[in-house]
Amino acid sequence: MTNTAVHDSNIFEELLEEKNASRAVWADSAYRYKGKLEKRGFREHLQRKGRRNKKLTDREKQGNHTRFQIRSRVEHAFGVQAHRAGMFLVRTIGIVRATAKRCLRNLASNLDRYSTLALA
């Protein structure tokens, strides 16, 4: 967890774990760095972004769609948690309490998901 005053893109490299076995980084175009991820041994699966005078090619659009399909599975879990919890704000004092609250929300979400899958 990071302080809310700091945007993730500013400390992106600090958030990467060197011991990550897959070495794959899935993110949107805000986290695009010029070759920095490859130098550290990571494989980037980052969205492409068009500009005013340079539209995305069909190949780039297809790549974005493929990456989106995988990212949407992860984003969906956060969306369900946010929807069920009302707001995803953590109103606590201290990082320990905020971490505990986040872990309890994840546990409740996982138990709910398990009961849905087990009964199906």
PDB file of N, CA and C in Angstrom:
ATOM      1  N   MET A   1       0.836  -1.177   0.000  1.00  0.00           N
ATOM      2  CA  MET A   1       0.000   0.000   0.000  1.00  0.00           C
ATOM      3  C   MET A   1       0.883   1.243   0.000  1.00  0.00           C
ATOM      4  N   THR A   2       0.373   2.259  -0.654  1.00  0.00           N
ATOM      5  CA  THR A   2       1.111   3.512  -0.713  1.00  0.00           C
ATOM      6  C   THR A   2       0.240   4.641  -0.184  1.00  0.00           C
ATOM      7  N   ASN A   3       0.865   5.731   0.126  1.00  0.00           N
ATOM      8  CA  ASN A   3       0.165   6.925   0.555  1.00  0.00           C
ATOM      9  C   ASN A   3      -0.703   7.423  -0.597  1.00  0.00           C
ATOM     10  N   THR A   4      -1.911   7.900  -0.305  1.00  0.00           N
ATOM     11  CA  THR A   4      -2.809   8.344  -1.364  1.00  0.00           C
ATOM     12  C   THR A   4      -2.348   9.634  -2.019  1.00  0.00           C
ATOM     13  N   ALA A   5      -1.439  10.353  -1.406  1.00  0.00           N
ATOM     14  CA  ALA A   5      -0.941  11.592  -1.998  1.00  0.00           C
ATOM     15  C   ALA A   5       0.027  11.318  -3.148  1.00  0.00           C
ATOM     16  N   VAL A   6       0.499  10.082  -3.264  1.00  0.00           N
ATOM     17  CA  VAL A   6       1.473   9.726  -4.288  1.00  0.00           C
ATOM     18  C   VAL A   6       0.780   8.859  -5.335  1.00  0.00           C
ATOM     19  N   HIS A   7       0.853   9.262  -6.603  1.00  0.00           N
ATOM     20  CA  HIS A   7       0.274   8.452  -7.674  1.00  0.00           C
ATOM     21  C   HIS A   7       1.184   7.261  -7.961  1.00  0.00           C
ATOM     22  N   ASP A   8       0.574   6.115  -8.262  1.00  0.00           N
ATOM     23  CA  ASP A   8       1.342   4.897  -8.498  1.00  0.00           C
ATOM     24  C   ASP A   8       2.369   5.047  -9.615  1.00  0.00           C
ATOM     25  N   SER A   9       2.050   5.848 -10.640  1.00  0.00           N
ATOM     26  CA  SER A   9       2.991   5.982 -11.760  1.00  0.00           C
ATOM     27  C   SER A   9       4.289   6.669 -11.326  1.00  0.00           C
ATOM     28  N   ASN A  10       4.266   7.428 -10.243  1.00  0.00           N
ATOM     29  CA  ASN A  10       5.474   8.090  -9.761  1.00  0.00           C
ATOM     30  C   ASN A  10       6.426   7.132  -9.044  1.00  0.00           C
ATOM     31  N   ILE A  11       5.890   6.053  -8.490  1.00  0.00           N
ATOM     32  CA  ILE A  11       6.724   5.086  -7.767  1.00  0.00           C
ATOM     33  C   ILE A  11       6.569   3.693  -8.371  1.00  0.00           C
ATOM     34  N   PHE A  12       6.249   3.658  -9.656  1.00  0.00           N
ATOM     35  CA  PHE A  12       5.952   2.404 -10.342  1.00  0.00           C
ATOM     36  C   PHE A  12       7.071   1.390 -10.196  1.00  0.00           C
ATOM     37  N   GLU A  13       8.301   1.815 -10.394  1.00  0.00           N
ATOM     38  CA  GLU A  13       9.422   0.880 -10.339  1.00  0.00           C
ATOM     39  C   GLU A  13       9.624   0.309  -8.940  1.00  0.00           C
ATOM     40  N   GLU A  14       9.266   1.050  -7.916  1.00  0.00           N
ATOM     41  CA  GLU A  14       9.391   0.554  -6.549  1.00  0.00           C
ATOM     42  C   GLU A  14       8.336  -0.512  -6.255  1.00  0.00           C
ATOM     43  N   LEU A  15       7.208  -0.467  -6.970  1.00  0.00           N
ATOM     44  CA  LEU A  15       6.134  -1.428  -6.740  1.00  0.00           C
ATOM     45  C   LEU A  15       6.409  -2.790  -7.371  1.00  0.00           C
ATOM     46  N   LEU A  16       7.339  -2.848  -8.326  1.00  0.00           N
ATOM     47  CA  LEU A  16       7.662  -4.107  -8.989  1.00  0.00           C
ATOM     48  C   LEU A  16       8.476  -4.999  -8.068  1.00  0.00           C
ATOM     49  N   GLU A  17       8.093  -6.253  -8.006  1.00  0.00           N
ATOM     50  CA  GLU A  17       8.802  -7.204  -7.146  1.00  0.00           C
ATOM     51  C   GLU A  17       9.778  -8.008  -7.985  1.00  0.00           C
ATOM     52  N   GLU A  18      11.037  -7.975  -7.605  1.00  0.00           N
ATOM     53  CA  GLU A  18      12.068  -8.703  -8.337  1.00  0.00           C
ATOM     54  C   GLU A  18      11.869 -10.218  -8.236  1.00  0.00           C
ATOM     55  N   LYS A  19      11.237 -10.682  -7.151  1.00  0.00           N
ATOM     56  CA  LYS A  19      11.048 -12.118  -6.963  1.00  0.00           C
ATOM     57  C   LYS A  19       9.782 -12.637  -7.641  1.00  0.00           C
ATOM     58  N   ASN A  20       9.086 -11.785  -8.394  1.00  0.00           N
ATOM     59  CA  ASN A  20       7.903 -12.199  -9.129  1.00  0.00           C
ATOM     60  C   ASN A  20       8.303 -13.252 -10.157  1.00  0.00           C
ATOM     61  N   ALA A  21       7.744 -14.445 -10.065  1.00  0.00           N
ATOM     62  CA  ALA A  21       8.167 -15.561 -10.908  1.00  0.00           C
ATOM     63  C   ALA A  21       7.831 -15.346 -12.378  1.00  0.00           C
ATOM     64  N   SER A  22       6.693 -14.727 -12.679  1.00  0.00           N
ATOM     65  CA  SER A  22       6.290 -14.609 -14.083  1.00  0.00           C
ATOM     66  C   SER A  22       7.005 -13.464 -14.793  1.00  0.00           C
ATOM     67  N   ARG A  23       7.446 -12.469 -14.060  1.00  0.00           N
ATOM     68  CA  ARG A  23       8.147 -11.299 -14.619  1.00  0.00           C
ATOM     69  C   ARG A  23       7.290 -10.528 -15.624  1.00  0.00           C
ATOM     70  N   ALA A  24       5.972 -10.726 -15.594  1.00  0.00           N
ATOM     71  CA  ALA A  24       5.070 -10.032 -16.516  1.00  0.00           C
ATOM     72  C   ALA A  24       4.430  -8.849 -15.805  1.00  0.00           C
ATOM     73  N   VAL A  25       4.326  -7.725 -16.502  1.00  0.00           N
ATOM     74  CA  VAL A  25       3.711  -6.517 -15.957  1.00  0.00           C
ATOM     75  C   VAL A  25       2.524  -6.162 -16.839  1.00  0.00           C
ATOM     76  N   TRP A  26       1.328  -6.156 -16.247  1.00  0.00           N
ATOM     77  CA  TRP A  26       0.094  -5.803 -16.950  1.00  0.00           C
ATOM     78  C   TRP A  26      -0.360  -4.458 -16.422  1.00  0.00           C
ATOM     79  N   ALA A  27      -0.463  -3.459 -17.291  1.00  0.00           N
ATOM     80  CA  ALA A  27      -0.861  -2.124 -16.843  1.00  0.00           C
ATOM     81  C   ALA A  27      -1.394  -1.328 -18.029  1.00  0.00           C
ATOM     82  N   ASP A  28      -1.935  -0.155 -17.729  1.00  0.00           N
ATOM     83  CA  ASP A  28      -2.424   0.693 -18.813  1.00  0.00           C
ATOM     84  C   ASP A  28      -1.299   1.602 -19.314  1.00  0.00           C
ATOM     85  N   SER A  29      -1.638   2.472 -20.243  1.00  0.00           N
ATOM     86  CA  SER A  29      -0.603   3.255 -20.930  1.00  0.00           C
ATOM     87  C   SER A  29       0.068   4.289 -20.035  1.00  0.00           C
ATOM     88  N   ALA A  30      -0.481   4.583 -18.870  1.00  0.00           N
ATOM     89  CA  ALA A  30       0.149   5.558 -17.970  1.00  0.00           C
ATOM     90  C   ALA A  30       1.483   5.050 -17.431  1.00  0.00           C
ATOM     91  N   TYR A  31       1.694   3.741 -17.478  1.00  0.00           N
ATOM     92  CA  TYR A  31       2.899   3.146 -16.907  1.00  0.00           C
ATOM     93  C   TYR A  31       3.937   2.791 -17.969  1.00  0.00           C
ATOM     94  N   ARG A  32       3.795   3.340 -19.162  1.00  0.00           N
ATOM     95  CA  ARG A  32       4.724   3.033 -20.253  1.00  0.00           C
ATOM     96  C   ARG A  32       6.035   3.789 -20.054  1.00  0.00           C
ATOM     97  N   TYR A  33       7.106   3.037 -20.019  1.00  0.00           N
ATOM     98  CA  TYR A  33       8.446   3.600 -19.897  1.00  0.00           C
ATOM     99  C   TYR A  33       9.263   3.107 -21.080  1.00  0.00           C
ATOM    100  N   LYS A  34      10.184   3.879 -21.551  1.00  0.00           N
ATOM    101  CA  LYS A  34      10.967   3.537 -22.732  1.00  0.00           C
ATOM    102  C   LYS A  34      12.011   2.482 -22.410  1.00  0.00           C
ATOM    103  N   GLY A  35      11.624   1.215 -22.469  1.00  0.00           N
ATOM    104  CA  GLY A  35      12.572   0.121 -22.308  1.00  0.00           C
ATOM    105  C   GLY A  35      13.044  -0.146 -20.899  1.00  0.00           C
ATOM    106  N   LYS A  36      12.550   0.587 -19.910  1.00  0.00           N
ATOM    107  CA  LYS A  36      13.035   0.391 -18.544  1.00  0.00           C
ATOM    108  C   LYS A  36      12.653  -0.977 -17.997  1.00  0.00           C
ATOM    109  N   LEU A  37      11.487  -1.471 -18.365  1.00  0.00           N
ATOM    110  CA  LEU A  37      11.049  -2.760 -17.832  1.00  0.00           C
ATOM    111  C   LEU A  37      11.885  -3.902 -18.396  1.00  0.00           C
ATOM    112  N   GLU A  38      12.191  -3.848 -19.699  1.00  0.00           N
ATOM    113  CA  GLU A  38      12.996  -4.907 -20.302  1.00  0.00           C
ATOM    114  C   GLU A  38      14.400  -4.955 -19.700  1.00  0.00           C
ATOM    115  N   LYS A  39      14.959  -3.791 -19.392  1.00  0.00           N
ATOM    116  CA  LYS A  39      16.305  -3.749 -18.802  1.00  0.00           C
ATOM    117  C   LYS A  39      16.341  -4.452 -17.449  1.00  0.00           C
ATOM    118  N   ARG A  40      15.227  -4.403 -16.728  1.00  0.00           N
ATOM    119  CA  ARG A  40      15.164  -5.059 -15.414  1.00  0.00           C
ATOM    120  C   ARG A  40      14.679  -6.496 -15.507  1.00  0.00           C
ATOM    121  N   GLY A  41      14.425  -6.993 -16.725  1.00  0.00           N
ATOM    122  CA  GLY A  41      14.032  -8.383 -16.903  1.00  0.00           C
ATOM    123  C   GLY A  41      12.537  -8.632 -16.859  1.00  0.00           C
ATOM    124  N   PHE A  42      11.726  -7.599 -16.921  1.00  0.00           N
ATOM    125  CA  PHE A  42      10.275  -7.764 -16.926  1.00  0.00           C
ATOM    126  C   PHE A  42       9.757  -7.781 -18.362  1.00  0.00           C
ATOM    127  N   ARG A  43       8.643  -8.467 -18.575  1.00  0.00           N
ATOM    128  CA  ARG A  43       7.963  -8.450 -19.871  1.00  0.00           C
ATOM    129  C   ARG A  43       6.757  -7.538 -19.738  1.00  0.00           C
ATOM    130  N   GLU A  44       6.712  -6.515 -20.567  1.00  0.00           N
ATOM    131  CA  GLU A  44       5.613  -5.565 -20.441  1.00  0.00           C
ATOM    132  C   GLU A  44       4.440  -5.960 -21.335  1.00  0.00           C
ATOM    133  N   HIS A  45       3.267  -5.920 -20.742  1.00  0.00           N
ATOM    134  CA  HIS A  45       2.004  -6.127 -21.437  1.00  0.00           C
ATOM    135  C   HIS A  45       1.179  -4.871 -21.183  1.00  0.00           C
ATOM    136  N   LEU A  46       1.630  -3.770 -21.750  1.00  0.00           N
ATOM    137  CA  LEU A  46       1.023  -2.480 -21.478  1.00  0.00           C
ATOM    138  C   LEU A  46       0.153  -2.037 -22.646  1.00  0.00           C
ATOM    139  N   GLN A  47      -0.948  -1.381 -22.334  1.00  0.00           N
ATOM    140  CA  GLN A  47      -1.842  -0.873 -23.362  1.00  0.00           C
ATOM    141  C   GLN A  47      -1.124   0.162 -24.218  1.00  0.00           C
ATOM    142  N   ARG A  48      -1.468   0.227 -25.471  1.00  0.00           N
ATOM    143  CA  ARG A  48      -0.962   1.245 -26.387  1.00  0.00           C
ATOM    144  C   ARG A  48      -1.948   2.401 -26.405  1.00  0.00           C
ATOM    145  N   LYS A  49      -1.436   3.578 -26.701  1.00  0.00           N
ATOM    146  CA  LYS A  49      -2.288   4.765 -26.714  1.00  0.00           C
ATOM    147  C   LYS A  49      -2.015   5.547 -27.992  1.00  0.00           C
ATOM    148  N   GLY A  50      -3.079   5.900 -28.704  1.00  0.00           N
ATOM    149  CA  GLY A  50      -2.941   6.697 -29.912  1.00  0.00           C
ATOM    150  C   GLY A  50      -2.809   8.174 -29.563  1.00  0.00           C
ATOM    151  N   ARG A  51      -2.357   8.929 -30.537  1.00  0.00           N
ATOM    152  CA  ARG A  51      -2.243  10.376 -30.356  1.00  0.00           C
ATOM    153  C   ARG A  51      -3.007  11.065 -31.473  1.00  0.00           C
ATOM    154  N   ARG A  52      -3.044  12.365 -31.424  1.00  0.00           N
ATOM    155  CA  ARG A  52      -3.842  13.134 -32.366  1.00  0.00           C
ATOM    156  C   ARG A  52      -3.500  12.825 -33.823  1.00  0.00           C
ATOM    157  N   ASN A  53      -2.239  12.873 -34.181  1.00  0.00           N
ATOM    158  CA  ASN A  53      -1.837  12.660 -35.568  1.00  0.00           C
ATOM    159  C   ASN A  53      -1.261  11.268 -35.828  1.00  0.00           C
ATOM    160  N   LYS A  54      -1.334  10.401 -34.831  1.00  0.00           N
ATOM    161  CA  LYS A  54      -0.822   9.050 -34.996  1.00  0.00           C
ATOM    162  C   LYS A  54      -1.806   8.059 -34.377  1.00  0.00           C
ATOM    163  N   LYS A  55      -2.704   7.574 -35.213  1.00  0.00           N
ATOM    164  CA  LYS A  55      -3.717   6.625 -34.756  1.00  0.00           C
ATOM    165  C   LYS A  55      -3.076   5.261 -34.522  1.00  0.00           C
ATOM    166  N   LEU A  56      -3.756   4.428 -33.734  1.00  0.00           N
ATOM    167  CA  LEU A  56      -3.283   3.072 -33.515  1.00  0.00           C
ATOM    168  C   LEU A  56      -3.465   2.249 -34.785  1.00  0.00           C
ATOM    169  N   THR A  57      -2.510   1.380 -35.063  1.00  0.00           N
ATOM    170  CA  THR A  57      -2.652   0.473 -36.197  1.00  0.00           C
ATOM    171  C   THR A  57      -3.611  -0.651 -35.814  1.00  0.00           C
ATOM    172  N   ASP A  58      -4.056  -1.419 -36.799  1.00  0.00           N
ATOM    173  CA  ASP A  58      -4.951  -2.542 -36.516  1.00  0.00           C
ATOM    174  C   ASP A  58      -4.279  -3.568 -35.611  1.00  0.00           C
ATOM    175  N   ARG A  59      -2.978  -3.764 -35.809  1.00  0.00           N
ATOM    176  CA  ARG A  59      -2.238  -4.710 -34.963  1.00  0.00           C
ATOM    177  C   ARG A  59      -2.187  -4.226 -33.511  1.00  0.00           C
ATOM    178  N   GLU A  60      -1.966  -2.916 -33.318  1.00  0.00           N
ATOM    179  CA  GLU A  60      -1.947  -2.364 -31.961  1.00  0.00           C
ATOM    180  C   GLU A  60      -3.326  -2.455 -31.317  1.00  0.00           C
ATOM    181  N   LYS A  61      -4.373  -2.209 -32.089  1.00  0.00           N
ATOM    182  CA  LYS A  61      -5.734  -2.337 -31.560  1.00  0.00           C
ATOM    183  C   LYS A  61      -6.021  -3.771 -31.141  1.00  0.00           C
ATOM    184  N   GLN A  62      -5.595  -4.738 -31.952  1.00  0.00           N
ATOM    185  CA  GLN A  62      -5.796  -6.149 -31.609  1.00  0.00           C
ATOM    186  C   GLN A  62      -5.007  -6.508 -30.351  1.00  0.00           C
ATOM    187  N   GLY A  63      -3.782  -5.996 -30.245  1.00  0.00           N
ATOM    188  CA  GLY A  63      -2.977  -6.245 -29.045  1.00  0.00           C
ATOM    189  C   GLY A  63      -3.625  -5.654 -27.800  1.00  0.00           C
ATOM    190  N   ASN A  64      -4.167  -4.446 -27.923  1.00  0.00           N
ATOM    191  CA  ASN A  64      -4.880  -3.836 -26.799  1.00  0.00           C
ATOM    192  C   ASN A  64      -6.071  -4.686 -26.384  1.00  0.00           C
ATOM    193  N   HIS A  65      -6.791  -5.224 -27.374  1.00  0.00           N
ATOM    194  CA  HIS A  65      -7.969  -6.047 -27.069  1.00  0.00           C
ATOM    195  C   HIS A  65      -7.560  -7.322 -26.330  1.00  0.00           C
ATOM    196  N   THR A  66      -6.472  -7.945 -26.786  1.00  0.00           N
ATOM    197  CA  THR A  66      -5.993  -9.164 -26.129  1.00  0.00           C
ATOM    198  C   THR A  66      -5.563  -8.875 -24.695  1.00  0.00           C
ATOM    199  N   ARG A  67      -4.825  -7.786 -24.506  1.00  0.00           N
ATOM    200  CA  ARG A  67      -4.400  -7.419 -23.149  1.00  0.00           C
ATOM    201  C   ARG A  67      -5.596  -7.052 -22.292  1.00  0.00           C
ATOM    202  N   PHE A  68      -6.593  -6.393 -22.881  1.00  0.00           N
ATOM    203  CA  PHE A  68      -7.781  -5.993 -22.130  1.00  0.00           C
ATOM    204  C   PHE A  68      -8.534  -7.206 -21.608  1.00  0.00           C
ATOM    205  N   GLN A  69      -8.623  -8.261 -22.412  1.00  0.00           N
ATOM    206  CA  GLN A  69      -9.355  -9.453 -21.979  1.00  0.00           C
ATOM    207  C   GLN A  69      -8.756 -10.034 -20.707  1.00  0.00           C
ATOM    208  N   ILE A  70      -7.450 -10.029 -20.615  1.00  0.00           N
ATOM    209  CA  ILE A  70      -6.789 -10.568 -19.428  1.00  0.00           C
ATOM    210  C   ILE A  70      -6.914  -9.601 -18.257  1.00  0.00           C
ATOM    211  N   ARG A  71      -6.678  -8.311 -18.509  1.00  0.00           N
ATOM    212  CA  ARG A  71      -6.764  -7.320 -17.433  1.00  0.00           C
ATOM    213  C   ARG A  71      -8.179  -7.206 -16.877  1.00  0.00           C
ATOM    214  N   SER A  72      -9.183  -7.405 -17.720  1.00  0.00           N
ATOM    215  CA  SER A  72     -10.564  -7.245 -17.259  1.00  0.00           C
ATOM    216  C   SER A  72     -10.925  -8.289 -16.205  1.00  0.00           C
ATOM    217  N   ARG A  73     -10.305  -9.470 -16.254  1.00  0.00           N
ATOM    218  CA  ARG A  73     -10.561 -10.486 -15.238  1.00  0.00           C
ATOM    219  C   ARG A  73     -10.104 -10.001 -13.865  1.00  0.00           C
ATOM    220  N   VAL A  74      -8.987  -9.311 -13.824  1.00  0.00           N
ATOM    221  CA  VAL A  74      -8.462  -8.792 -12.567  1.00  0.00           C
ATOM    222  C   VAL A  74      -9.287  -7.588 -12.116  1.00  0.00           C
ATOM    223  N   GLU A  75      -9.543  -6.668 -13.048  1.00  0.00           N
ATOM    224  CA  GLU A  75     -10.293  -5.460 -12.715  1.00  0.00           C
ATOM    225  C   GLU A  75     -11.702  -5.792 -12.229  1.00  0.00           C
ATOM    226  N   HIS A  76     -12.277  -6.866 -12.742  1.00  0.00           N
ATOM    227  CA  HIS A  76     -13.624  -7.253 -12.349  1.00  0.00           C
ATOM    228  C   HIS A  76     -13.698  -7.552 -10.850  1.00  0.00           C
ATOM    229  N   ALA A  77     -12.689  -8.224 -10.324  1.00  0.00           N
ATOM    230  CA  ALA A  77     -12.679  -8.550  -8.896  1.00  0.00           C
ATOM    231  C   ALA A  77     -12.695  -7.286  -8.041  1.00  0.00           C
ATOM    232  N   PHE A  78     -11.921  -6.266  -8.444  1.00  0.00           N
ATOM    233  CA  PHE A  78     -11.915  -5.014  -7.702  1.00  0.00           C
ATOM    234  C   PHE A  78     -13.238  -4.282  -7.850  1.00  0.00           C
ATOM    235  N   GLY A  79     -13.834  -4.359  -9.030  1.00  0.00           N
ATOM    236  CA  GLY A  79     -15.129  -3.720  -9.255  1.00  0.00           C
ATOM    237  C   GLY A  79     -16.219  -4.318  -8.388  1.00  0.00           C
ATOM    238  N   VAL A  80     -16.221  -5.632  -8.258  1.00  0.00           N
ATOM    239  CA  VAL A  80     -17.213  -6.307  -7.411  1.00  0.00           C
ATOM    240  C   VAL A  80     -17.028  -5.896  -5.961  1.00  0.00           C
ATOM    241  N   GLN A  81     -15.774  -5.857  -5.509  1.00  0.00           N
ATOM    242  CA  GLN A  81     -15.515  -5.440  -4.129  1.00  0.00           C
ATOM    243  C   GLN A  81     -15.981  -4.013  -3.884  1.00  0.00           C
ATOM    244  N   ALA A  82     -15.671  -3.127  -4.797  1.00  0.00           N
ATOM    245  CA  ALA A  82     -16.057  -1.724  -4.637  1.00  0.00           C
ATOM    246  C   ALA A  82     -17.578  -1.576  -4.656  1.00  0.00           C
ATOM    247  N   HIS A  83     -18.231  -2.318  -5.528  1.00  0.00           N
ATOM    248  CA  HIS A  83     -19.690  -2.237  -5.628  1.00  0.00           C
ATOM    249  C   HIS A  83     -20.354  -2.731  -4.346  1.00  0.00           C
ATOM    250  N   ARG A  84     -19.893  -3.843  -3.824  1.00  0.00           N
ATOM    251  CA  ARG A  84     -20.507  -4.419  -2.621  1.00  0.00           C
ATOM    252  C   ARG A  84     -20.164  -3.642  -1.362  1.00  0.00           C
ATOM    253  N   ALA A  85     -18.988  -3.037  -1.325  1.00  0.00           N
ATOM    254  CA  ALA A  85     -18.567  -2.304  -0.137  1.00  0.00           C
ATOM    255  C   ALA A  85     -19.084  -0.868  -0.142  1.00  0.00           C
ATOM    256  N   GLY A  86     -19.767  -0.480  -1.187  1.00  0.00           N
ATOM    257  CA  GLY A  86     -20.241   0.893  -1.282  1.00  0.00           C
ATOM    258  C   GLY A  86     -19.154   1.764  -1.850  1.00  0.00           C
ATOM    259  N   MET A  87     -18.277   2.215  -1.011  1.00  0.00           N
ATOM    260  CA  MET A  87     -17.138   3.007  -1.462  1.00  0.00           C
ATOM    261  C   MET A  87     -15.877   2.276  -1.070  1.00  0.00           C
ATOM    262  N   PHE A  88     -14.843   2.404  -1.854  1.00  0.00           N
ATOM    263  CA  PHE A  88     -13.605   1.689  -1.608  1.00  0.00           C
ATOM    264  C   PHE A  88     -12.633   2.519  -0.783  1.00  0.00           C
ATOM    265  N   LEU A  89     -13.149   3.522  -0.092  1.00  0.00           N
ATOM    266  CA  LEU A  89     -12.301   4.343   0.754  1.00  0.00           C
ATOM    267  C   LEU A  89     -11.955   3.592   2.027  1.00  0.00           C
ATOM    268  N   VAL A  90     -10.761   3.747   2.474  1.00  0.00           N
ATOM    269  CA  VAL A  90     -10.328   3.143   3.723  1.00  0.00           C
ATOM    270  C   VAL A  90     -10.149   4.284   4.714  1.00  0.00           C
ATOM    271  N   ARG A  91     -11.075   4.402   5.618  1.00  0.00           N
ATOM    272  CA  ARG A  91     -11.039   5.489   6.589  1.00  0.00           C
ATOM    273  C   ARG A  91     -10.488   4.978   7.918  1.00  0.00           C
ATOM    274  N   THR A  92      -9.195   4.873   7.968  1.00  0.00           N
ATOM    275  CA  THR A  92      -8.521   4.452   9.194  1.00  0.00           C
ATOM    276  C   THR A  92      -7.310   5.343   9.405  1.00  0.00           C
ATOM    277  N   ILE A  93      -6.796   5.284  10.602  1.00  0.00           N
ATOM    278  CA  ILE A  93      -5.565   5.997  10.909  1.00  0.00           C
ATOM    279  C   ILE A  93      -4.472   4.949  11.043  1.00  0.00           C
ATOM    280  N   GLY A  94      -3.465   5.058  10.194  1.00  0.00           N
ATOM    281  CA  GLY A  94      -2.334   4.139  10.264  1.00  0.00           C
ATOM    282  C   GLY A  94      -2.372   3.089   9.171  1.00  0.00           C
ATOM    283  N   ILE A  95      -1.186   2.723   8.715  1.00  0.00           N
ATOM    284  CA  ILE A  95      -1.049   1.760   7.635  1.00  0.00           C
ATOM    285  C   ILE A  95      -1.419   0.354   8.088  1.00  0.00           C
ATOM    286  N   VAL A  96      -1.214   0.035   9.365  1.00  0.00           N
ATOM    287  CA  VAL A  96      -1.521  -1.307   9.873  1.00  0.00           C
ATOM    288  C   VAL A  96      -3.027  -1.546   9.839  1.00  0.00           C
ATOM    289  N   ARG A  97      -3.798  -0.579  10.288  1.00  0.00           N
ATOM    290  CA  ARG A  97      -5.257  -0.718  10.263  1.00  0.00           C
ATOM    291  C   ARG A  97      -5.794  -0.745   8.840  1.00  0.00           C
ATOM    292  N   ALA A  98      -5.218   0.075   7.971  1.00  0.00           N
ATOM    293  CA  ALA A  98      -5.656   0.094   6.577  1.00  0.00           C
ATOM    294  C   ALA A  98      -5.365  -1.248   5.904  1.00  0.00           C
ATOM    295  N   THR A  99      -4.204  -1.820   6.186  1.00  0.00           N
ATOM    296  CA  THR A  99      -3.849  -3.123   5.629  1.00  0.00           C
ATOM    297  C   THR A  99      -4.781  -4.206   6.153  1.00  0.00           C
ATOM    298  N   ALA A 100      -5.088  -4.154   7.435  1.00  0.00           N
ATOM    299  CA  ALA A 100      -6.003  -5.138   8.026  1.00  0.00           C
ATOM    300  C   ALA A 100      -7.388  -5.034   7.400  1.00  0.00           C
ATOM    301  N   LYS A 101      -7.864  -3.824   7.199  1.00  0.00           N
ATOM    302  CA  LYS A 101      -9.184  -3.637   6.593  1.00  0.00           C
ATOM    303  C   LYS A 101      -9.201  -4.153   5.164  1.00  0.00           C
ATOM    304  N   ARG A 102      -8.134  -3.884   4.413  1.00  0.00           N
ATOM    305  CA  ARG A 102      -8.042  -4.370   3.041  1.00  0.00           C
ATOM    306  C   ARG A 102      -8.021  -5.899   3.014  1.00  0.00           C
ATOM    307  N   CYS A 103      -7.259  -6.507   3.918  1.00  0.00           N
ATOM    308  CA  CYS A 103      -7.175  -7.965   3.957  1.00  0.00           C
ATOM    309  C   CYS A 103      -8.521  -8.588   4.313  1.00  0.00           C
ATOM    310  N   LEU A 104      -9.249  -7.982   5.227  1.00  0.00           N
ATOM    311  CA  LEU A 104     -10.570  -8.499   5.589  1.00  0.00           C
ATOM    312  C   LEU A 104     -11.553  -8.378   4.425  1.00  0.00           C
ATOM    313  N   ARG A 105     -11.478  -7.280   3.678  1.00  0.00           N
ATOM    314  CA  ARG A 105     -12.336  -7.142   2.497  1.00  0.00           C
ATOM    315  C   ARG A 105     -12.000  -8.204   1.459  1.00  0.00           C
ATOM    316  N   ASN A 106     -10.721  -8.452   1.252  1.00  0.00           N
ATOM    317  CA  ASN A 106     -10.308  -9.483   0.294  1.00  0.00           C
ATOM    318  C   ASN A 106     -10.765 -10.859   0.746  1.00  0.00           C
ATOM    319  N   LEU A 107     -10.646 -11.140   2.033  1.00  0.00           N
ATOM    320  CA  LEU A 107     -11.081 -12.425   2.574  1.00  0.00           C
ATOM    321  C   LEU A 107     -12.581 -12.610   2.374  1.00  0.00           C
ATOM    322  N   ALA A 108     -13.365 -11.588   2.691  1.00  0.00           N
ATOM    323  CA  ALA A 108     -14.812 -11.674   2.512  1.00  0.00           C
ATOM    324  C   ALA A 108     -15.178 -11.875   1.046  1.00  0.00           C
ATOM    325  N   SER A 109     -14.493 -11.188   0.167  1.00  0.00           N
ATOM    326  CA  SER A 109     -14.748 -11.332  -1.265  1.00  0.00           C
ATOM    327  C   SER A 109     -14.392 -12.736  -1.746  1.00  0.00           C
ATOM    328  N   ASN A 110     -13.260 -13.255  -1.292  1.00  0.00           N
ATOM    329  CA  ASN A 110     -12.849 -14.604  -1.685  1.00  0.00           C
ATOM    330  C   ASN A 110     -13.806 -15.667  -1.160  1.00  0.00           C
ATOM    331  N   LEU A 111     -14.283 -15.503   0.080  1.00  0.00           N
ATOM    332  CA  LEU A 111     -15.253 -16.449   0.633  1.00  0.00           C
ATOM    333  C   LEU A 111     -16.566 -16.408  -0.146  1.00  0.00           C
ATOM    334  N   ASP A 112     -16.998 -15.210  -0.504  1.00  0.00           N
ATOM    335  CA  ASP A 112     -18.218 -15.066  -1.292  1.00  0.00           C
ATOM    336  C   ASP A 112     -18.053 -15.721  -2.659  1.00  0.00           C
ATOM    337  N   ARG A 113     -16.918 -15.490  -3.282  1.00  0.00           N
ATOM    338  CA  ARG A 113     -16.647 -16.077  -4.604  1.00  0.00           C
ATOM    339  C   ARG A 113     -16.570 -17.595  -4.507  1.00  0.00           C
ATOM    340  N   TYR A 114     -15.945 -18.106  -3.458  1.00  0.00           N
ATOM    341  CA  TYR A 114     -15.839 -19.551  -3.262  1.00  0.00           C
ATOM    342  C   TYR A 114     -17.219 -20.174  -3.081  1.00  0.00           C
ATOM    343  N   SER A 115     -18.065 -19.546  -2.256  1.00  0.00           N
ATOM    344  CA  SER A 115     -19.402 -20.111  -2.042  1.00  0.00           C
ATOM    345  C   SER A 115     -20.223 -20.093  -3.335  1.00  0.00           C
ATOM    346  N   THR A 116     -20.026 -19.078  -4.155  1.00  0.00           N
ATOM    347  CA  THR A 116     -20.729 -19.028  -5.444  1.00  0.00           C
ATOM    348  C   THR A 116     -20.262 -20.150  -6.353  1.00  0.00           C
ATOM    349  N   LEU A 117     -18.960 -20.378  -6.423  1.00  0.00           N
ATOM    350  CA  LEU A 117     -18.420 -21.414  -7.292  1.00  0.00           C
ATOM    351  C   LEU A 117     -18.699 -22.816  -6.757  1.00  0.00           C
ATOM    352  N   ALA A 118     -18.683 -22.992  -5.433  1.00  0.00           N
ATOM    353  CA  ALA A 118     -18.893 -24.299  -4.835  1.00  0.00           C
ATOM    354  C   ALA A 118     -20.343 -24.763  -5.003  1.00  0.00           C
ATOM    355  N   LEU A 119     -21.274 -23.839  -4.996  1.00  0.00           N
ATOM    356  CA  LEU A 119     -22.692 -24.182  -5.124  1.00  0.00           C
ATOM    357  C   LEU A 119     -23.118 -24.348  -6.571  1.00  0.00           C
ATOM    358  N   ALA A 120     -22.297 -23.903  -7.482  1.00  0.00           N
ATOM    359  CA  ALA A 120     -22.672 -23.959  -8.911  1.00  0.00           C
ATOM    360  C   ALA A 120     -22.552 -25.343  -9.481  1.00  0.00           C
TER     361      ALA A 120
END
